[in-house]
Amino acid sequence: MNKTELVDTVAKSTGLTKSDTKKTIDAVFEQIPKCLTFNILR
């Protein structure tokens, strides 16, 4: 599954617009490396 397919799938299952879904997914993907780095350094 690529990012476009993920956005489409999540948008359909949540009822959010594709634009809002993309923003949410982008925000989550941006935070994942930060969380992993934080947990490794703790």
PDB file of N, CA and C in Angstrom:
ATOM      1  N   MET A   1       0.856  -1.168   0.000  1.00  0.00           N
ATOM      2  CA  MET A   1       0.000   0.000   0.000  1.00  0.00           C
ATOM      3  C   MET A   1       0.904   1.233   0.000  1.00  0.00           C
ATOM      4  N   ASN A   2       0.636   2.134  -0.917  1.00  0.00           N
ATOM      5  CA  ASN A   2       1.397   3.382  -0.920  1.00  0.00           C
ATOM      6  C   ASN A   2       0.633   4.457  -0.139  1.00  0.00           C
ATOM      7  N   LYS A   3       1.222   5.625  -0.040  1.00  0.00           N
ATOM      8  CA  LYS A   3       0.633   6.690   0.780  1.00  0.00           C
ATOM      9  C   LYS A   3      -0.741   7.127   0.250  1.00  0.00           C
ATOM     10  N   THR A   4      -0.874   7.222  -1.051  1.00  0.00           N
ATOM     11  CA  THR A   4      -2.159   7.618  -1.633  1.00  0.00           C
ATOM     12  C   THR A   4      -3.245   6.612  -1.290  1.00  0.00           C
ATOM     13  N   GLU A   5      -2.910   5.334  -1.381  1.00  0.00           N
ATOM     14  CA  GLU A   5      -3.880   4.291  -1.033  1.00  0.00           C
ATOM     15  C   GLU A   5      -4.230   4.347   0.458  1.00  0.00           C
ATOM     16  N   LEU A   6      -3.231   4.623   1.289  1.00  0.00           N
ATOM     17  CA  LEU A   6      -3.476   4.745   2.723  1.00  0.00           C
ATOM     18  C   LEU A   6      -4.418   5.906   3.012  1.00  0.00           C
ATOM     19  N   VAL A   7      -4.174   7.039   2.392  1.00  0.00           N
ATOM     20  CA  VAL A   7      -5.047   8.210   2.572  1.00  0.00           C
ATOM     21  C   VAL A   7      -6.467   7.879   2.133  1.00  0.00           C
ATOM     22  N   ASP A   8      -6.620   7.260   0.983  1.00  0.00           N
ATOM     23  CA  ASP A   8      -7.948   6.894   0.479  1.00  0.00           C
ATOM     24  C   ASP A   8      -8.675   5.960   1.450  1.00  0.00           C
ATOM     25  N   THR A   9      -7.957   4.950   1.929  1.00  0.00           N
ATOM     26  CA  THR A   9      -8.560   3.953   2.823  1.00  0.00           C
ATOM     27  C   THR A   9      -8.977   4.573   4.148  1.00  0.00           C
ATOM     28  N   VAL A  10      -8.083   5.373   4.724  1.00  0.00           N
ATOM     29  CA  VAL A  10      -8.397   6.001   6.012  1.00  0.00           C
ATOM     30  C   VAL A  10      -9.528   7.021   5.851  1.00  0.00           C
ATOM     31  N   ALA A  11      -9.515   7.773   4.771  1.00  0.00           N
ATOM     32  CA  ALA A  11     -10.579   8.751   4.532  1.00  0.00           C
ATOM     33  C   ALA A  11     -11.944   8.061   4.434  1.00  0.00           C
ATOM     34  N   LYS A  12     -11.982   6.950   3.728  1.00  0.00           N
ATOM     35  CA  LYS A  12     -13.247   6.214   3.588  1.00  0.00           C
ATOM     36  C   LYS A  12     -13.722   5.654   4.925  1.00  0.00           C
ATOM     37  N   SER A  13     -12.788   5.160   5.726  1.00  0.00           N
ATOM     38  CA  SER A  13     -13.196   4.524   6.988  1.00  0.00           C
ATOM     39  C   SER A  13     -13.530   5.527   8.083  1.00  0.00           C
ATOM     40  N   THR A  14     -12.987   6.754   7.984  1.00  0.00           N
ATOM     41  CA  THR A  14     -13.235   7.743   9.031  1.00  0.00           C
ATOM     42  C   THR A  14     -14.269   8.797   8.652  1.00  0.00           C
ATOM     43  N   GLY A  15     -14.513   8.957   7.365  1.00  0.00           N
ATOM     44  CA  GLY A  15     -15.427   9.998   6.917  1.00  0.00           C
ATOM     45  C   GLY A  15     -14.765  11.359   6.802  1.00  0.00           C
ATOM     46  N   LEU A  16     -13.438  11.414   7.028  1.00  0.00           N
ATOM     47  CA  LEU A  16     -12.712  12.674   6.859  1.00  0.00           C
ATOM     48  C   LEU A  16     -12.478  12.935   5.377  1.00  0.00           C
ATOM     49  N   THR A  17     -12.214  14.189   5.040  1.00  0.00           N
ATOM     50  CA  THR A  17     -11.843  14.488   3.663  1.00  0.00           C
ATOM     51  C   THR A  17     -10.450  13.934   3.406  1.00  0.00           C
ATOM     52  N   LYS A  18     -10.127  13.733   2.152  1.00  0.00           N
ATOM     53  CA  LYS A  18      -8.791  13.250   1.814  1.00  0.00           C
ATOM     54  C   LYS A  18      -7.732  14.266   2.247  1.00  0.00           C
ATOM     55  N   SER A  19      -8.048  15.541   2.132  1.00  0.00           N
ATOM     56  CA  SER A  19      -7.113  16.580   2.538  1.00  0.00           C
ATOM     57  C   SER A  19      -6.823  16.510   4.039  1.00  0.00           C
ATOM     58  N   ASP A  20      -7.870  16.402   4.846  1.00  0.00           N
ATOM     59  CA  ASP A  20      -7.690  16.304   6.297  1.00  0.00           C
ATOM     60  C   ASP A  20      -6.980  15.011   6.676  1.00  0.00           C
ATOM     61  N   THR A  21      -7.312  13.942   5.985  1.00  0.00           N
ATOM     62  CA  THR A  21      -6.663  12.658   6.256  1.00  0.00           C
ATOM     63  C   THR A  21      -5.185  12.729   5.935  1.00  0.00           C
ATOM     64  N   LYS A  22      -4.835  13.337   4.813  1.00  0.00           N
ATOM     65  CA  LYS A  22      -3.422  13.464   4.433  1.00  0.00           C
ATOM     66  C   LYS A  22      -2.665  14.284   5.472  1.00  0.00           C
ATOM     67  N   LYS A  23      -3.252  15.365   5.938  1.00  0.00           N
ATOM     68  CA  LYS A  23      -2.599  16.191   6.965  1.00  0.00           C
ATOM     69  C   LYS A  23      -2.357  15.378   8.233  1.00  0.00           C
ATOM     70  N   THR A  24      -3.342  14.584   8.617  1.00  0.00           N
ATOM     71  CA  THR A  24      -3.220  13.758   9.824  1.00  0.00           C
ATOM     72  C   THR A  24      -2.129  12.707   9.659  1.00  0.00           C
ATOM     73  N   ILE A  25      -2.142  12.033   8.540  1.00  0.00           N
ATOM     74  CA  ILE A  25      -1.135  10.994   8.293  1.00  0.00           C
ATOM     75  C   ILE A  25       0.262  11.608   8.224  1.00  0.00           C
ATOM     76  N   ASP A  26       0.395  12.749   7.575  1.00  0.00           N
ATOM     77  CA  ASP A  26       1.689  13.428   7.516  1.00  0.00           C
ATOM     78  C   ASP A  26       2.184  13.781   8.923  1.00  0.00           C
ATOM     79  N   ALA A  27       1.281  14.253   9.768  1.00  0.00           N
ATOM     80  CA  ALA A  27       1.656  14.616  11.136  1.00  0.00           C
ATOM     81  C   ALA A  27       2.093  13.389  11.925  1.00  0.00           C
ATOM     82  N   VAL A  28       1.389  12.288  11.770  1.00  0.00           N
ATOM     83  CA  VAL A  28       1.756  11.055  12.476  1.00  0.00           C
ATOM     84  C   VAL A  28       3.124  10.566  11.997  1.00  0.00           C
ATOM     85  N   PHE A  29       3.320  10.529  10.680  1.00  0.00           N
ATOM     86  CA  PHE A  29       4.600  10.054  10.144  1.00  0.00           C
ATOM     87  C   PHE A  29       5.756  10.974  10.555  1.00  0.00           C
ATOM     88  N   GLU A  30       5.476  12.247  10.721  1.00  0.00           N
ATOM     89  CA  GLU A  30       6.512  13.179  11.158  1.00  0.00           C
ATOM     90  C   GLU A  30       6.923  12.910  12.614  1.00  0.00           C
ATOM     91  N   GLN A  31       5.976  12.484  13.422  1.00  0.00           N
ATOM     92  CA  GLN A  31       6.246  12.265  14.844  1.00  0.00           C
ATOM     93  C   GLN A  31       6.898  10.912  15.141  1.00  0.00           C
ATOM     94  N   ILE A  32       6.697   9.922  14.312  1.00  0.00           N
ATOM     95  CA  ILE A  32       7.217   8.579  14.586  1.00  0.00           C
ATOM     96  C   ILE A  32       8.733   8.583  14.813  1.00  0.00           C
ATOM     97  N   PRO A  33       9.539   9.170  13.933  1.00  0.00           N
ATOM     98  CA  PRO A  33      10.989   9.156  14.191  1.00  0.00           C
ATOM     99  C   PRO A  33      11.365   9.896  15.476  1.00  0.00           C
ATOM    100  N   LYS A  34      10.650  10.969  15.775  1.00  0.00           N
ATOM    101  CA  LYS A  34      10.924  11.724  16.997  1.00  0.00           C
ATOM    102  C   LYS A  34      10.638  10.875  18.228  1.00  0.00           C
ATOM    103  N   CYS A  35       9.542  10.146  18.204  1.00  0.00           N
ATOM    104  CA  CYS A  35       9.196   9.277  19.328  1.00  0.00           C
ATOM    105  C   CYS A  35      10.194   8.140  19.474  1.00  0.00           C
ATOM    106  N   LEU A  36      10.591   7.553  18.363  1.00  0.00           N
ATOM    107  CA  LEU A  36      11.562   6.457  18.414  1.00  0.00           C
ATOM    108  C   LEU A  36      12.895   6.953  18.951  1.00  0.00           C
ATOM    109  N   THR A  37      13.346   8.108  18.499  1.00  0.00           N
ATOM    110  CA  THR A  37      14.604   8.678  18.977  1.00  0.00           C
ATOM    111  C   THR A  37      14.509   8.984  20.471  1.00  0.00           C
ATOM    112  N   PHE A  38      13.413   9.563  20.893  1.00  0.00           N
ATOM    113  CA  PHE A  38      13.224   9.903  22.301  1.00  0.00           C
ATOM    114  C   PHE A  38      13.285   8.648  23.175  1.00  0.00           C
ATOM    115  N   ASN A  39      12.617   7.593  22.731  1.00  0.00           N
ATOM    116  CA  ASN A  39      12.600   6.353  23.526  1.00  0.00           C
ATOM    117  C   ASN A  39      13.951   5.659  23.548  1.00  0.00           C
ATOM    118  N   ILE A  40      14.710   5.774  22.483  1.00  0.00           N
ATOM    119  CA  ILE A  40      16.043   5.164  22.444  1.00  0.00           C
ATOM    120  C   ILE A  40      16.992   5.904  23.391  1.00  0.00           C
ATOM    121  N   LEU A  41      16.855   7.217  23.444  1.00  0.00           N
ATOM    122  CA  LEU A  41      17.753   8.028  24.253  1.00  0.00           C
ATOM    123  C   LEU A  41      17.389   8.046  25.731  1.00  0.00           C
ATOM    124  N   ARG A  42      16.233   7.536  26.079  1.00  0.00           N
ATOM    125  CA  ARG A  42      15.813   7.534  27.502  1.00  0.00           C
ATOM    126  C   ARG A  42      16.520   6.503  28.273  1.00  0.00           C
TER     127      ARG A  42
END
